N, C-alpha and C. Protein backbone atom coordinates (compact mmCIF):
# COMPACT_ATOMS: atom_id res chain seq x y z
N UNK A 1 -4.15 97.94 -48.20
CA UNK A 1 -4.57 97.14 -47.04
C UNK A 1 -3.70 95.90 -46.94
N UNK A 2 -3.26 95.61 -45.72
CA UNK A 2 -2.40 94.47 -45.49
C UNK A 2 -3.24 93.24 -45.31
N UNK A 3 -3.25 92.40 -46.35
CA UNK A 3 -4.08 91.20 -46.28
C UNK A 3 -3.62 90.31 -45.16
N UNK A 4 -2.32 90.23 -44.98
CA UNK A 4 -1.79 89.35 -43.95
C UNK A 4 -2.29 89.75 -42.58
N UNK A 5 -2.35 91.05 -42.34
CA UNK A 5 -2.82 91.52 -41.04
C UNK A 5 -4.29 91.27 -40.86
N UNK A 6 -5.04 91.20 -41.95
CA UNK A 6 -6.48 90.92 -41.85
C UNK A 6 -6.71 89.44 -41.56
N UNK A 7 -5.96 88.56 -42.20
CA UNK A 7 -6.14 87.14 -41.98
C UNK A 7 -5.60 86.71 -40.64
N UNK A 8 -4.50 87.27 -40.21
CA UNK A 8 -3.85 86.91 -38.95
C UNK A 8 -3.67 88.14 -38.11
N UNK A 9 -4.77 88.66 -37.58
CA UNK A 9 -4.68 89.89 -36.80
C UNK A 9 -3.83 89.68 -35.55
N UNK A 10 -3.15 90.71 -35.15
CA UNK A 10 -2.30 90.67 -33.96
C UNK A 10 -3.06 91.24 -32.79
N UNK A 11 -3.16 90.45 -31.69
CA UNK A 11 -3.87 90.90 -30.51
C UNK A 11 -2.91 91.00 -29.35
N UNK A 12 -3.17 91.92 -28.54
CA UNK A 12 -2.38 92.05 -27.32
C UNK A 12 -2.83 90.94 -26.36
N UNK A 13 -1.95 90.43 -25.50
CA UNK A 13 -2.33 89.35 -24.56
C UNK A 13 -3.54 89.69 -23.73
N UNK A 14 -3.68 90.94 -23.37
CA UNK A 14 -4.81 91.32 -22.52
C UNK A 14 -6.12 91.26 -23.25
N UNK A 15 -6.02 91.31 -24.59
CA UNK A 15 -7.25 91.30 -25.38
C UNK A 15 -7.67 89.93 -25.83
N UNK A 16 -6.88 88.87 -25.52
CA UNK A 16 -7.24 87.52 -25.94
C UNK A 16 -8.45 87.03 -25.16
N UNK A 17 -9.31 86.28 -25.79
CA UNK A 17 -10.45 85.72 -25.05
C UNK A 17 -9.95 84.82 -23.94
N UNK A 18 -10.69 84.75 -22.88
CA UNK A 18 -10.28 83.95 -21.72
C UNK A 18 -10.12 82.48 -22.07
N UNK A 19 -10.95 81.96 -23.01
CA UNK A 19 -10.87 80.55 -23.37
C UNK A 19 -9.56 80.21 -24.03
N UNK A 20 -8.81 81.22 -24.57
CA UNK A 20 -7.56 80.95 -25.23
C UNK A 20 -6.40 80.95 -24.26
N UNK A 21 -6.61 81.35 -23.01
CA UNK A 21 -5.55 81.30 -22.01
C UNK A 21 -5.36 79.87 -21.54
N UNK A 22 -4.20 79.53 -21.02
CA UNK A 22 -4.00 78.15 -20.52
C UNK A 22 -5.12 77.76 -19.59
N UNK A 23 -5.79 76.72 -19.96
CA UNK A 23 -7.00 76.31 -19.23
C UNK A 23 -6.62 75.70 -17.88
N UNK A 24 -7.25 76.11 -16.76
CA UNK A 24 -6.95 75.52 -15.46
C UNK A 24 -7.22 74.04 -15.43
N UNK A 25 -8.20 73.57 -16.26
CA UNK A 25 -8.51 72.15 -16.31
C UNK A 25 -7.33 71.34 -16.81
N UNK A 26 -6.61 71.89 -17.79
CA UNK A 26 -5.43 71.22 -18.33
C UNK A 26 -4.35 71.11 -17.28
N UNK A 27 -4.15 72.20 -16.53
CA UNK A 27 -3.15 72.18 -15.47
C UNK A 27 -3.54 71.18 -14.39
N UNK A 28 -4.83 71.14 -14.09
CA UNK A 28 -5.32 70.21 -13.07
C UNK A 28 -5.12 68.77 -13.53
N UNK A 29 -5.35 68.50 -14.81
CA UNK A 29 -5.18 67.15 -15.32
C UNK A 29 -3.73 66.71 -15.18
N UNK A 30 -2.81 67.57 -15.46
CA UNK A 30 -1.39 67.24 -15.31
C UNK A 30 -1.08 66.92 -13.86
N UNK A 31 -1.68 67.68 -12.95
CA UNK A 31 -1.44 67.44 -11.52
C UNK A 31 -2.04 66.11 -11.10
N UNK A 32 -3.24 65.82 -11.64
CA UNK A 32 -3.89 64.55 -11.31
C UNK A 32 -3.08 63.37 -11.82
N UNK A 33 -2.54 63.50 -13.04
CA UNK A 33 -1.72 62.44 -13.60
C UNK A 33 -0.49 62.19 -12.74
N UNK A 34 0.11 63.30 -12.31
CA UNK A 34 1.30 63.16 -11.46
C UNK A 34 0.98 62.44 -10.17
N UNK A 35 -0.14 62.85 -9.54
CA UNK A 35 -0.53 62.21 -8.28
C UNK A 35 -0.93 60.75 -8.50
N UNK A 36 -1.57 60.48 -9.64
CA UNK A 36 -1.96 59.10 -9.95
C UNK A 36 -0.74 58.21 -10.11
N UNK A 37 0.28 58.75 -10.80
CA UNK A 37 1.51 57.98 -10.96
C UNK A 37 2.16 57.70 -9.62
N UNK A 38 2.12 58.70 -8.75
CA UNK A 38 2.68 58.50 -7.41
C UNK A 38 1.90 57.42 -6.65
N UNK A 39 0.58 57.44 -6.80
CA UNK A 39 -0.25 56.43 -6.13
C UNK A 39 0.04 55.05 -6.66
N UNK A 40 0.21 54.95 -7.99
CA UNK A 40 0.50 53.66 -8.60
C UNK A 40 1.83 53.12 -8.10
N UNK A 41 2.81 54.03 -8.00
CA UNK A 41 4.11 53.60 -7.49
C UNK A 41 4.00 53.10 -6.07
N UNK A 42 3.19 53.79 -5.26
CA UNK A 42 3.00 53.36 -3.87
C UNK A 42 2.31 52.00 -3.83
N UNK A 43 1.34 51.78 -4.72
CA UNK A 43 0.64 50.50 -4.77
C UNK A 43 1.59 49.38 -5.16
N UNK A 44 2.44 49.66 -6.15
CA UNK A 44 3.43 48.66 -6.57
C UNK A 44 4.37 48.31 -5.44
N UNK A 45 4.82 49.35 -4.72
CA UNK A 45 5.72 49.09 -3.59
C UNK A 45 5.02 48.27 -2.53
N UNK A 46 3.76 48.63 -2.24
CA UNK A 46 3.01 47.89 -1.23
C UNK A 46 2.78 46.46 -1.67
N UNK A 47 2.51 46.25 -2.97
CA UNK A 47 2.29 44.91 -3.49
C UNK A 47 3.56 44.07 -3.39
N UNK A 48 4.69 44.71 -3.75
CA UNK A 48 5.96 43.98 -3.66
C UNK A 48 6.28 43.60 -2.23
N UNK A 49 5.99 44.54 -1.31
CA UNK A 49 6.23 44.24 0.11
C UNK A 49 5.33 43.12 0.58
N UNK A 50 4.06 43.15 0.09
CA UNK A 50 3.12 42.10 0.48
C UNK A 50 3.53 40.76 -0.06
N UNK A 51 3.98 40.74 -1.34
CA UNK A 51 4.43 39.48 -1.94
C UNK A 51 5.67 38.96 -1.23
N UNK A 52 6.55 39.90 -0.87
CA UNK A 52 7.75 39.47 -0.16
C UNK A 52 7.44 38.87 1.18
N UNK A 53 6.49 39.51 1.90
CA UNK A 53 6.14 38.98 3.21
C UNK A 53 5.40 37.67 3.10
N UNK A 54 4.55 37.53 2.05
CA UNK A 54 3.81 36.28 1.89
C UNK A 54 4.73 35.15 1.50
N UNK A 55 5.75 35.46 0.66
CA UNK A 55 6.68 34.41 0.27
C UNK A 55 7.55 34.00 1.43
N UNK A 56 7.92 34.99 2.26
CA UNK A 56 8.75 34.65 3.42
C UNK A 56 7.94 33.89 4.45
N UNK A 57 6.61 34.12 4.46
CA UNK A 57 5.78 33.41 5.42
C UNK A 57 5.10 32.20 4.83
N UNK A 58 5.53 31.80 3.63
CA UNK A 58 4.91 30.64 2.98
C UNK A 58 5.29 29.36 3.72
N UNK A 59 4.51 28.30 3.45
CA UNK A 59 4.78 27.03 4.08
C UNK A 59 6.15 26.51 3.65
N UNK A 60 7.00 26.16 4.59
CA UNK A 60 8.34 25.68 4.22
C UNK A 60 8.27 24.39 3.43
N UNK A 61 9.29 24.15 2.64
CA UNK A 61 9.34 22.94 1.82
C UNK A 61 9.36 21.70 2.71
N UNK A 62 8.72 20.65 2.22
CA UNK A 62 8.67 19.40 2.98
C UNK A 62 10.06 18.80 3.08
N UNK A 63 10.32 18.15 4.19
CA UNK A 63 11.58 17.45 4.36
C UNK A 63 11.61 16.24 3.45
N UNK A 64 12.78 15.64 3.33
CA UNK A 64 12.91 14.46 2.47
C UNK A 64 12.00 13.33 2.97
N UNK A 65 11.95 13.18 4.29
CA UNK A 65 11.10 12.13 4.87
C UNK A 65 9.63 12.40 4.58
N UNK A 66 9.17 13.65 4.78
CA UNK A 66 7.77 13.97 4.56
C UNK A 66 7.40 13.82 3.09
N UNK A 67 8.31 14.21 2.20
CA UNK A 67 8.05 14.06 0.76
C UNK A 67 7.91 12.59 0.38
N UNK A 68 8.82 11.76 0.91
CA UNK A 68 8.77 10.33 0.61
C UNK A 68 7.50 9.71 1.18
N UNK A 69 7.13 10.13 2.38
CA UNK A 69 5.91 9.60 3.00
C UNK A 69 4.68 9.95 2.18
N UNK A 70 4.64 11.16 1.64
CA UNK A 70 3.52 11.57 0.80
C UNK A 70 3.46 10.75 -0.47
N UNK A 71 4.63 10.51 -1.10
CA UNK A 71 4.67 9.71 -2.32
C UNK A 71 4.23 8.27 -2.04
N UNK A 72 4.70 7.72 -0.93
CA UNK A 72 4.32 6.35 -0.58
C UNK A 72 2.82 6.23 -0.38
N UNK A 73 2.25 7.21 0.31
CA UNK A 73 0.82 7.18 0.58
C UNK A 73 0.02 7.28 -0.71
N UNK A 74 0.44 8.14 -1.62
CA UNK A 74 -0.25 8.28 -2.90
C UNK A 74 -0.12 7.00 -3.73
N UNK A 75 1.06 6.37 -3.67
CA UNK A 75 1.28 5.12 -4.41
C UNK A 75 0.38 4.02 -3.89
N UNK A 76 0.27 3.92 -2.57
CA UNK A 76 -0.60 2.89 -1.99
C UNK A 76 -2.06 3.15 -2.33
N UNK A 77 -2.46 4.42 -2.28
CA UNK A 77 -3.84 4.76 -2.64
C UNK A 77 -4.16 4.42 -4.08
N UNK A 78 -3.20 4.66 -4.99
CA UNK A 78 -3.40 4.33 -6.40
C UNK A 78 -3.46 2.82 -6.59
N UNK A 79 -2.66 2.10 -5.80
CA UNK A 79 -2.68 0.64 -5.88
C UNK A 79 -4.07 0.11 -5.51
N UNK A 80 -4.67 0.67 -4.48
CA UNK A 80 -6.01 0.24 -4.08
C UNK A 80 -7.06 0.59 -5.13
N UNK A 81 -6.90 1.73 -5.77
CA UNK A 81 -7.86 2.14 -6.80
C UNK A 81 -7.78 1.23 -8.02
N UNK A 82 -6.60 0.67 -8.28
CA UNK A 82 -6.42 -0.19 -9.45
C UNK A 82 -6.92 -1.61 -9.23
N UNK A 83 -7.32 -1.92 -8.00
CA UNK A 83 -7.85 -3.26 -7.74
C UNK A 83 -9.22 -3.42 -8.40
N UNK A 84 -9.60 -4.65 -8.64
CA UNK A 84 -10.91 -4.94 -9.23
C UNK A 84 -11.70 -5.85 -8.30
N UNK A 85 -12.72 -5.27 -7.63
CA UNK A 85 -13.14 -3.86 -7.66
C UNK A 85 -12.20 -2.99 -6.83
N UNK A 86 -12.26 -1.67 -7.05
CA UNK A 86 -11.41 -0.75 -6.29
C UNK A 86 -11.69 -0.86 -4.79
N UNK A 87 -10.65 -0.63 -4.01
CA UNK A 87 -10.77 -0.71 -2.55
C UNK A 87 -10.59 0.69 -1.96
N UNK A 88 -11.54 1.09 -1.12
CA UNK A 88 -11.42 2.38 -0.44
C UNK A 88 -10.40 2.28 0.68
N UNK A 89 -9.72 3.39 0.95
CA UNK A 89 -8.72 3.40 2.01
C UNK A 89 -9.33 3.02 3.35
N UNK A 90 -10.59 3.41 3.55
CA UNK A 90 -11.24 3.10 4.81
C UNK A 90 -11.56 1.62 4.95
N UNK A 91 -11.49 0.87 3.84
CA UNK A 91 -11.83 -0.55 3.86
C UNK A 91 -10.60 -1.46 3.73
N UNK A 92 -9.42 -0.87 3.59
CA UNK A 92 -8.25 -1.71 3.41
C UNK A 92 -7.87 -2.37 4.73
N UNK A 93 -7.26 -3.54 4.64
CA UNK A 93 -6.85 -4.28 5.82
C UNK A 93 -5.42 -4.79 5.63
N UNK A 94 -4.94 -5.56 6.58
CA UNK A 94 -3.55 -6.03 6.49
C UNK A 94 -3.34 -6.93 5.28
N UNK A 95 -4.40 -7.61 4.82
CA UNK A 95 -4.28 -8.44 3.63
C UNK A 95 -3.91 -7.61 2.41
N UNK A 96 -4.53 -6.44 2.27
CA UNK A 96 -4.19 -5.56 1.15
C UNK A 96 -2.76 -5.05 1.27
N UNK A 97 -2.31 -4.81 2.50
CA UNK A 97 -0.94 -4.33 2.70
C UNK A 97 0.06 -5.42 2.32
N UNK A 98 -0.21 -6.66 2.70
CA UNK A 98 0.68 -7.77 2.36
C UNK A 98 0.75 -7.96 0.84
N UNK A 99 -0.38 -7.85 0.18
CA UNK A 99 -0.41 -7.96 -1.27
C UNK A 99 0.39 -6.82 -1.91
N UNK A 100 0.29 -5.63 -1.32
CA UNK A 100 1.02 -4.47 -1.83
C UNK A 100 2.53 -4.69 -1.70
N UNK A 101 2.97 -5.24 -0.59
CA UNK A 101 4.40 -5.50 -0.40
C UNK A 101 4.91 -6.53 -1.39
N UNK A 102 4.09 -7.56 -1.66
CA UNK A 102 4.49 -8.57 -2.65
C UNK A 102 4.53 -7.96 -4.05
N UNK A 103 3.59 -7.07 -4.32
CA UNK A 103 3.54 -6.39 -5.61
C UNK A 103 4.80 -5.57 -5.85
N UNK A 104 5.34 -4.96 -4.79
CA UNK A 104 6.53 -4.12 -4.93
C UNK A 104 7.79 -4.91 -5.25
N UNK A 105 7.78 -6.22 -4.99
CA UNK A 105 8.97 -7.03 -5.24
C UNK A 105 9.42 -6.98 -6.69
N UNK A 106 8.48 -6.78 -7.60
CA UNK A 106 8.86 -6.76 -9.02
C UNK A 106 9.74 -5.55 -9.35
N UNK A 107 9.75 -4.55 -8.46
CA UNK A 107 10.58 -3.37 -8.68
C UNK A 107 11.85 -3.41 -7.81
N UNK A 108 12.09 -4.54 -7.14
CA UNK A 108 13.24 -4.65 -6.25
C UNK A 108 14.56 -4.69 -6.99
N UNK A 109 15.62 -4.38 -6.27
CA UNK A 109 16.97 -4.36 -6.84
C UNK A 109 17.95 -5.19 -6.01
N UNK A 110 17.41 -5.95 -5.05
CA UNK A 110 18.27 -6.75 -4.18
C UNK A 110 18.21 -8.22 -4.59
N UNK A 111 19.34 -8.79 -4.91
CA UNK A 111 19.42 -10.19 -5.31
C UNK A 111 19.24 -11.08 -4.08
N UNK A 112 18.23 -11.93 -4.13
CA UNK A 112 17.96 -12.85 -3.01
C UNK A 112 18.09 -14.27 -3.57
N UNK A 113 19.14 -14.97 -3.18
CA UNK A 113 19.39 -16.32 -3.68
C UNK A 113 18.39 -17.30 -3.08
N UNK A 114 17.92 -18.19 -3.94
CA UNK A 114 16.99 -19.22 -3.48
C UNK A 114 17.78 -20.46 -3.06
N UNK A 115 17.16 -21.29 -2.23
CA UNK A 115 17.82 -22.52 -1.81
C UNK A 115 18.06 -23.41 -3.03
N UNK A 116 19.24 -23.95 -3.15
CA UNK A 116 19.61 -24.72 -4.33
C UNK A 116 20.54 -23.96 -5.22
N UNK A 117 20.59 -22.63 -5.07
CA UNK A 117 21.53 -21.82 -5.84
C UNK A 117 22.93 -22.03 -5.26
N UNK A 118 23.92 -22.16 -6.14
CA UNK A 118 25.29 -22.40 -5.68
C UNK A 118 25.85 -21.22 -4.87
N UNK A 119 25.19 -20.06 -5.01
CA UNK A 119 25.66 -18.89 -4.29
C UNK A 119 24.82 -18.59 -3.04
N UNK A 120 23.94 -19.50 -2.71
CA UNK A 120 23.07 -19.29 -1.54
C UNK A 120 23.94 -19.12 -0.29
N UNK A 121 23.70 -18.04 0.43
CA UNK A 121 24.44 -17.78 1.66
C UNK A 121 25.77 -17.10 1.46
N UNK A 122 26.10 -16.74 0.22
CA UNK A 122 27.37 -16.07 -0.05
C UNK A 122 27.13 -14.55 -0.18
N UNK A 123 27.78 -13.75 0.65
CA UNK A 123 27.57 -12.30 0.59
C UNK A 123 28.09 -11.66 -0.69
N UNK A 124 29.13 -12.26 -1.28
CA UNK A 124 29.71 -11.70 -2.50
C UNK A 124 29.89 -12.81 -3.54
N UNK A 125 28.82 -13.17 -4.24
CA UNK A 125 28.94 -14.25 -5.24
C UNK A 125 29.89 -13.85 -6.35
N UNK A 126 30.69 -14.78 -6.83
CA UNK A 126 31.70 -14.46 -7.86
C UNK A 126 31.13 -14.32 -9.27
N UNK A 127 29.90 -14.75 -9.45
CA UNK A 127 29.32 -14.71 -10.80
C UNK A 127 27.82 -14.43 -10.70
N UNK A 128 27.21 -14.00 -11.78
CA UNK A 128 25.77 -13.75 -11.76
C UNK A 128 24.99 -15.04 -11.73
N UNK A 129 23.73 -14.93 -11.32
CA UNK A 129 22.85 -16.09 -11.30
C UNK A 129 21.45 -15.63 -11.68
N UNK A 130 20.54 -16.57 -11.77
CA UNK A 130 19.18 -16.26 -12.22
C UNK A 130 18.21 -16.06 -11.07
N UNK A 131 18.72 -15.94 -9.85
CA UNK A 131 17.84 -15.74 -8.70
C UNK A 131 17.12 -14.39 -8.82
N UNK A 132 15.92 -14.30 -8.27
CA UNK A 132 15.11 -13.09 -8.46
C UNK A 132 15.62 -11.89 -7.67
N UNK A 133 15.21 -10.72 -8.12
CA UNK A 133 15.46 -9.48 -7.40
C UNK A 133 14.25 -9.19 -6.53
N UNK A 134 14.51 -8.70 -5.33
CA UNK A 134 13.43 -8.42 -4.38
C UNK A 134 13.67 -7.06 -3.72
N UNK A 135 12.62 -6.58 -3.10
CA UNK A 135 12.78 -5.38 -2.27
C UNK A 135 13.56 -5.77 -1.02
N UNK A 136 14.54 -4.98 -0.67
CA UNK A 136 15.33 -5.26 0.53
C UNK A 136 14.47 -5.11 1.77
N UNK A 137 14.76 -5.96 2.77
CA UNK A 137 13.98 -5.91 4.00
C UNK A 137 14.00 -4.52 4.62
N UNK A 138 15.17 -3.87 4.64
CA UNK A 138 15.26 -2.54 5.24
C UNK A 138 14.35 -1.53 4.56
N UNK A 139 14.22 -1.63 3.23
CA UNK A 139 13.36 -0.71 2.49
C UNK A 139 11.89 -0.94 2.84
N UNK A 140 11.50 -2.22 2.96
CA UNK A 140 10.12 -2.53 3.31
C UNK A 140 9.79 -2.08 4.73
N UNK A 141 10.73 -2.27 5.62
CA UNK A 141 10.51 -1.88 7.01
C UNK A 141 10.32 -0.36 7.12
N UNK A 142 11.15 0.40 6.41
CA UNK A 142 11.02 1.86 6.41
C UNK A 142 9.72 2.30 5.74
N UNK A 143 9.34 1.61 4.67
CA UNK A 143 8.10 1.92 3.96
C UNK A 143 6.89 1.74 4.88
N UNK A 144 6.85 0.64 5.60
CA UNK A 144 5.72 0.39 6.51
C UNK A 144 5.66 1.45 7.59
N UNK A 145 6.82 1.87 8.08
CA UNK A 145 6.84 2.93 9.09
C UNK A 145 6.23 4.22 8.58
N UNK A 146 6.56 4.59 7.34
CA UNK A 146 6.01 5.82 6.77
C UNK A 146 4.51 5.69 6.51
N UNK A 147 4.09 4.55 5.99
CA UNK A 147 2.66 4.36 5.71
C UNK A 147 1.84 4.28 6.99
N UNK A 148 2.42 3.71 8.03
CA UNK A 148 1.71 3.64 9.32
C UNK A 148 1.45 5.06 9.84
N UNK A 149 2.46 5.93 9.72
CA UNK A 149 2.29 7.31 10.16
C UNK A 149 1.32 8.06 9.25
N UNK A 150 1.41 7.85 7.94
CA UNK A 150 0.54 8.55 7.00
C UNK A 150 -0.92 8.16 7.19
N UNK A 151 -1.16 6.90 7.53
CA UNK A 151 -2.53 6.43 7.72
C UNK A 151 -3.22 7.22 8.83
N UNK A 152 -2.52 7.41 9.92
CA UNK A 152 -3.12 8.13 11.05
C UNK A 152 -3.17 9.63 10.80
N UNK A 153 -2.20 10.16 10.06
CA UNK A 153 -2.22 11.58 9.72
C UNK A 153 -3.37 11.92 8.79
N UNK A 154 -3.85 10.95 8.04
CA UNK A 154 -4.96 11.16 7.11
C UNK A 154 -6.30 10.73 7.70
N UNK A 155 -6.38 10.68 9.01
CA UNK A 155 -7.66 10.43 9.66
C UNK A 155 -7.90 9.02 10.12
N UNK A 156 -6.96 8.11 9.87
CA UNK A 156 -7.15 6.73 10.29
C UNK A 156 -6.95 6.56 11.79
N UNK A 157 -7.63 5.60 12.35
CA UNK A 157 -7.53 5.34 13.79
C UNK A 157 -6.35 4.41 14.07
N UNK A 158 -5.59 4.68 15.14
CA UNK A 158 -4.49 3.79 15.50
C UNK A 158 -4.95 2.36 15.77
N UNK A 159 -6.18 2.22 16.28
CA UNK A 159 -6.70 0.89 16.59
C UNK A 159 -6.98 0.06 15.35
N UNK A 160 -7.25 0.72 14.24
CA UNK A 160 -7.57 0.00 12.99
C UNK A 160 -6.48 0.16 11.94
N UNK A 161 -5.32 0.62 12.34
CA UNK A 161 -4.23 0.87 11.39
C UNK A 161 -3.72 -0.47 10.84
N UNK A 162 -3.96 -0.75 9.55
CA UNK A 162 -3.55 -2.05 8.99
C UNK A 162 -2.03 -2.19 8.90
N UNK A 163 -1.31 -1.08 8.89
CA UNK A 163 0.15 -1.13 8.79
C UNK A 163 0.80 -1.47 10.13
N UNK A 164 0.01 -1.39 11.19
CA UNK A 164 0.53 -1.73 12.52
C UNK A 164 0.07 -3.12 12.95
N UNK A 165 -0.49 -3.88 12.02
CA UNK A 165 -1.00 -5.21 12.34
C UNK A 165 0.13 -6.17 12.69
N UNK A 166 -0.18 -7.13 13.55
CA UNK A 166 0.80 -8.15 13.90
C UNK A 166 1.22 -8.97 12.71
N UNK A 167 0.30 -9.17 11.76
CA UNK A 167 0.63 -9.94 10.56
C UNK A 167 1.72 -9.25 9.74
N UNK A 168 1.73 -7.92 9.75
CA UNK A 168 2.75 -7.18 9.01
C UNK A 168 4.10 -7.35 9.70
N UNK A 169 4.12 -7.32 11.01
CA UNK A 169 5.38 -7.50 11.73
C UNK A 169 5.95 -8.90 11.50
N UNK A 170 5.06 -9.89 11.48
CA UNK A 170 5.53 -11.26 11.23
C UNK A 170 6.10 -11.36 9.82
N UNK A 171 5.43 -10.76 8.86
CA UNK A 171 5.90 -10.81 7.46
C UNK A 171 7.28 -10.17 7.35
N UNK A 172 7.46 -9.00 7.95
CA UNK A 172 8.75 -8.31 7.86
C UNK A 172 9.86 -9.11 8.54
N UNK A 173 9.53 -9.76 9.66
CA UNK A 173 10.53 -10.57 10.34
C UNK A 173 10.96 -11.75 9.49
N UNK A 174 9.99 -12.38 8.81
CA UNK A 174 10.31 -13.51 7.95
C UNK A 174 11.15 -13.07 6.76
N UNK A 175 10.80 -11.93 6.17
CA UNK A 175 11.59 -11.41 5.05
C UNK A 175 13.02 -11.12 5.49
N UNK A 176 13.16 -10.55 6.67
CA UNK A 176 14.49 -10.24 7.19
C UNK A 176 15.32 -11.51 7.36
N UNK A 177 14.73 -12.55 7.93
CA UNK A 177 15.47 -13.79 8.16
C UNK A 177 15.80 -14.50 6.87
N UNK A 178 14.85 -14.54 5.94
CA UNK A 178 15.09 -15.20 4.66
C UNK A 178 16.20 -14.51 3.89
N UNK A 179 16.16 -13.17 3.83
CA UNK A 179 17.17 -12.45 3.07
C UNK A 179 18.54 -12.53 3.74
N UNK A 180 18.56 -12.54 5.08
CA UNK A 180 19.84 -12.65 5.78
C UNK A 180 20.52 -13.99 5.48
N UNK A 181 19.74 -15.06 5.46
CA UNK A 181 20.29 -16.39 5.16
C UNK A 181 20.69 -16.50 3.69
N UNK A 182 19.81 -16.02 2.81
CA UNK A 182 20.06 -16.17 1.38
C UNK A 182 21.26 -15.36 0.93
N UNK A 183 21.46 -14.21 1.53
CA UNK A 183 22.55 -13.33 1.11
C UNK A 183 23.80 -13.52 1.97
N UNK A 184 23.66 -14.27 3.05
CA UNK A 184 24.82 -14.47 3.92
C UNK A 184 25.25 -13.20 4.63
N UNK A 185 24.28 -12.31 4.86
CA UNK A 185 24.58 -11.03 5.51
C UNK A 185 23.73 -10.92 6.78
N UNK A 186 24.28 -11.20 7.93
CA UNK A 186 23.51 -11.09 9.16
C UNK A 186 23.17 -9.65 9.47
N UNK A 187 22.06 -9.45 10.13
CA UNK A 187 21.66 -8.10 10.49
C UNK A 187 22.16 -7.78 11.89
N UNK A 188 22.35 -6.49 12.12
CA UNK A 188 22.79 -6.03 13.43
C UNK A 188 21.95 -4.84 13.86
N UNK A 189 21.65 -4.79 15.13
CA UNK A 189 20.95 -3.64 15.66
C UNK A 189 21.94 -2.50 15.86
N UNK A 190 21.57 -1.35 15.31
CA UNK A 190 22.44 -0.19 15.42
C UNK A 190 22.00 0.67 16.58
N UNK A 191 22.88 0.86 17.54
CA UNK A 191 22.55 1.66 18.71
C UNK A 191 23.10 3.08 18.56
N UNK A 192 22.33 4.01 19.11
CA UNK A 192 22.76 5.40 19.07
C UNK A 192 23.88 5.61 20.08
N UNK A 193 24.78 6.51 19.75
CA UNK A 193 25.89 6.80 20.66
C UNK A 193 25.35 7.50 21.90
N UNK A 194 25.87 7.14 23.06
CA UNK A 194 25.42 7.74 24.32
C UNK A 194 26.31 8.90 24.68
N UNK A 195 25.76 9.84 25.43
CA UNK A 195 26.53 10.98 25.89
C UNK A 195 27.53 10.55 26.96
N UNK A 196 28.57 11.35 27.16
CA UNK A 196 29.55 11.05 28.18
C UNK A 196 28.88 11.06 29.55
N UNK A 197 29.18 10.05 30.33
CA UNK A 197 28.60 9.96 31.66
C UNK A 197 27.24 9.33 31.67
N UNK A 198 26.67 9.09 30.49
CA UNK A 198 25.35 8.47 30.41
C UNK A 198 25.54 7.03 29.98
N UNK A 199 25.29 6.11 30.88
CA UNK A 199 25.55 4.70 30.62
C UNK A 199 24.31 3.96 30.12
N UNK A 200 23.22 4.69 29.96
CA UNK A 200 22.00 4.04 29.49
C UNK A 200 22.12 3.78 28.00
N UNK A 201 21.82 2.57 27.59
CA UNK A 201 21.91 2.22 26.17
C UNK A 201 20.69 2.73 25.43
N UNK A 202 20.86 2.95 24.16
CA UNK A 202 19.76 3.44 23.33
C UNK A 202 18.81 2.30 23.01
N UNK A 203 17.54 2.66 22.90
CA UNK A 203 16.51 1.67 22.60
C UNK A 203 16.13 1.70 21.13
N UNK A 204 17.05 2.15 20.30
CA UNK A 204 16.76 2.25 18.87
C UNK A 204 16.49 0.88 18.29
N UNK A 205 15.45 0.80 17.48
CA UNK A 205 15.10 -0.47 16.84
C UNK A 205 15.47 -0.47 15.37
N UNK A 206 16.24 0.53 14.95
CA UNK A 206 16.66 0.59 13.56
C UNK A 206 17.66 -0.52 13.30
N UNK A 207 17.39 -1.32 12.29
CA UNK A 207 18.23 -2.47 11.99
C UNK A 207 18.78 -2.30 10.59
N UNK A 208 20.06 -2.55 10.44
CA UNK A 208 20.72 -2.39 9.14
C UNK A 208 21.47 -3.67 8.81
N UNK A 209 21.55 -3.99 7.51
CA UNK A 209 22.42 -5.07 7.07
C UNK A 209 23.85 -4.56 7.14
N UNK A 210 24.73 -5.35 7.64
CA UNK A 210 26.13 -4.96 7.71
C UNK A 210 26.77 -5.06 6.32
């Protein structure tokens, strides 16, 4: 007797039990996996397309002016919070704005000669002196313009805008005159160039130190 044939009998394919044939469930699982992978790939493609469209439709980056205006507004708001007691933006007035402008002088980089200084009125002093550094008038004027716009953009009323107060305009005019005399640099109004055939002058109020 062949022991090997008894332990490992040989069967014809037709005689194998049905459960030993390739199971349809296994074949179906392979098909499902294939379709699932295809679906996943489609989802990834759709997601990438969606991300691409959302990024292309995202809010554009702020301009240099808008970024600076936002920083100025946040700086002024922080200044009010640091007061004792803190001041709400809705309660600030032109007095707080004037104090803020004076506060900024400590960070100025413009030499403003005081009366009595040997270099008073000289645009190019030959030697250093101990006169204080201040914020340039042009910088303060631009700052007030940005804060005036930011105040109204953040819900403030034009009628109560502290940055548009007459006291602020007087302060800026005095700073301009003092710095022009102290530095010996007169200011000039810069006019925009007119188109050919257009003889109307520009009404630009932008003022620059020469």
